[in-house]
């Protein structure tokens, strides 16, 4: 099991806002859904047709992720919250052992 920390927009200093443990191989979006994390809507269910699983990935985890593909890059332009340099779509991040302890910030809105 690996642990992921979801930080609510209203509480950026608390990396324990929501803590979820999942098996490697799951997407970050599925981890948020299984942990009932508020702030990750995931309306399209991970099919990369919306941007409602927008998150901002903190270092050092960001540097451990594979490069973003062009479809994810384009879809982030439609995110409701302003895109940041560390913005990613949670549906496109596959969790691995190397990402244990990953910390992601949630935007103030997905709509």
Protein backbone atom coordinates (compact mmCIF):
# COMPACT_ATOMS: atom_id res chain seq x y z
CA UNK A 1 0.00 0.00 0.00
CA UNK A 2 1.07 3.53 -0.67
CA UNK A 3 -0.17 6.70 0.98
CA UNK A 4 -1.30 9.85 -0.81
CA UNK A 5 -2.04 13.15 0.93
CA UNK A 6 -4.71 15.42 -0.54
CA UNK A 7 -4.49 18.99 0.74
CA UNK A 8 -7.71 20.98 0.75
CA UNK A 9 -7.56 24.41 -0.85
CA UNK A 10 -8.71 26.07 2.36
CA UNK A 11 -5.93 24.43 4.42
CA UNK A 12 -2.67 24.42 2.38
CA UNK A 13 -0.40 24.06 5.43
CA UNK A 14 -1.95 20.72 6.43
CA UNK A 15 -0.69 17.84 4.25
CA UNK A 16 -2.97 15.52 6.17
CA UNK A 17 -6.24 17.13 5.03
CA UNK A 18 -7.17 13.76 3.51
CA UNK A 19 -4.90 10.76 3.61
CA UNK A 20 -5.64 7.74 1.42
CA UNK A 21 -3.86 4.38 1.24
CA UNK A 22 -4.14 2.45 -2.03
CA UNK A 23 -2.48 -0.37 -3.90
CA UNK A 24 0.08 0.60 -6.54
CA UNK A 25 -1.30 0.60 -10.08
CA UNK A 26 -4.39 2.67 -9.29
CA UNK A 27 -4.78 6.15 -10.69
CA UNK A 28 -4.59 9.14 -8.39
CA UNK A 29 -8.19 9.88 -9.38
CA UNK A 30 -9.33 6.42 -8.24
CA UNK A 31 -7.42 6.89 -4.98
CA UNK A 32 -9.33 10.12 -4.37
CA UNK A 33 -12.64 8.47 -5.18
CA UNK A 34 -11.99 5.44 -2.97
CA UNK A 35 -11.03 7.79 -0.13
CA UNK A 36 -14.10 10.00 -0.62
CA UNK A 37 -11.88 13.03 -1.10
CA UNK A 38 -13.86 16.22 -1.60
CA UNK A 39 -12.46 18.31 -4.38
CA UNK A 40 -11.83 15.65 -7.04
CA UNK A 41 -15.05 15.44 -9.04
CA UNK A 42 -13.80 13.15 -11.84
CA UNK A 43 -16.96 13.60 -13.89
CA UNK A 44 -15.69 11.66 -16.93
CA UNK A 45 -14.48 8.72 -14.85
CA UNK A 46 -10.93 8.96 -16.10
CA UNK A 47 -11.53 9.04 -19.85
CA UNK A 48 -9.62 12.34 -20.26
CA UNK A 49 -12.65 14.25 -21.52
CA UNK A 50 -12.96 16.76 -18.70
CA UNK A 51 -10.65 18.50 -16.26
CA UNK A 52 -12.55 17.88 -13.03
CA UNK A 53 -9.73 15.87 -11.46
CA UNK A 54 -7.28 18.79 -11.65
CA UNK A 55 -4.66 18.70 -8.88
CA UNK A 56 -1.34 20.41 -8.20
CA UNK A 57 1.44 17.94 -7.39
CA UNK A 58 4.06 19.01 -4.86
CA UNK A 59 7.75 18.20 -5.16
CA UNK A 60 9.44 15.82 -4.86
CA UNK A 61 6.53 13.81 -6.28
CA UNK A 62 6.14 16.02 -9.34
CA UNK A 63 9.67 15.19 -10.44
CA UNK A 64 8.89 11.46 -10.20
CA UNK A 65 5.99 11.61 -12.64
CA UNK A 66 6.30 10.78 -16.32
CA UNK A 67 5.97 13.70 -18.69
CA UNK A 68 2.47 14.89 -19.39
CA UNK A 69 1.01 13.81 -22.72
CA UNK A 70 -0.43 16.29 -25.22
CA UNK A 71 -4.05 15.33 -24.48
CA UNK A 72 -3.61 15.99 -20.75
CA UNK A 73 -1.77 19.21 -21.52
CA UNK A 74 -4.61 20.42 -23.74
CA UNK A 75 -7.34 19.38 -21.30
CA UNK A 76 -5.73 21.33 -18.45
CA UNK A 77 -6.47 24.49 -20.44
CA UNK A 78 -10.15 23.82 -19.63
CA UNK A 79 -9.71 23.41 -15.87
CA UNK A 80 -12.00 25.67 -13.84
CA UNK A 81 -9.20 26.74 -11.49
CA UNK A 82 -6.18 28.52 -12.87
CA UNK A 83 -3.57 26.17 -14.24
CA UNK A 84 -0.29 26.11 -12.30
CA UNK A 85 3.17 24.90 -13.38
CA UNK A 86 2.59 21.77 -11.27
CA UNK A 87 -0.97 21.12 -12.49
CA UNK A 88 -1.85 17.60 -13.57
CA UNK A 89 -5.00 15.55 -14.08
CA UNK A 90 -5.33 12.89 -11.41
CA UNK A 91 -6.76 10.41 -13.91
CA UNK A 92 -3.45 10.45 -15.78
CA UNK A 93 -1.23 9.65 -12.79
CA UNK A 94 -0.66 5.96 -12.09
CA UNK A 95 0.47 5.46 -8.52
CA UNK A 96 3.68 3.49 -7.99
CA UNK A 97 5.79 2.62 -4.95
CA UNK A 98 8.07 5.53 -5.88
CA UNK A 99 5.12 7.90 -5.25
CA UNK A 100 4.48 6.73 -1.67
CA UNK A 101 3.85 9.86 0.40
CA UNK A 102 2.76 11.93 -2.62
CA UNK A 103 1.24 15.27 -1.66
CA UNK A 104 -1.23 17.01 -3.96
CA UNK A 105 -3.06 20.28 -3.53
CA UNK A 106 -6.70 20.52 -4.52
CA UNK A 107 -7.94 23.57 -6.42
CA UNK A 108 -10.62 25.83 -4.98
CA UNK A 109 -13.10 24.52 -7.56
CA UNK A 110 -13.48 21.90 -10.28
CA UNK A 111 -16.43 23.74 -11.90
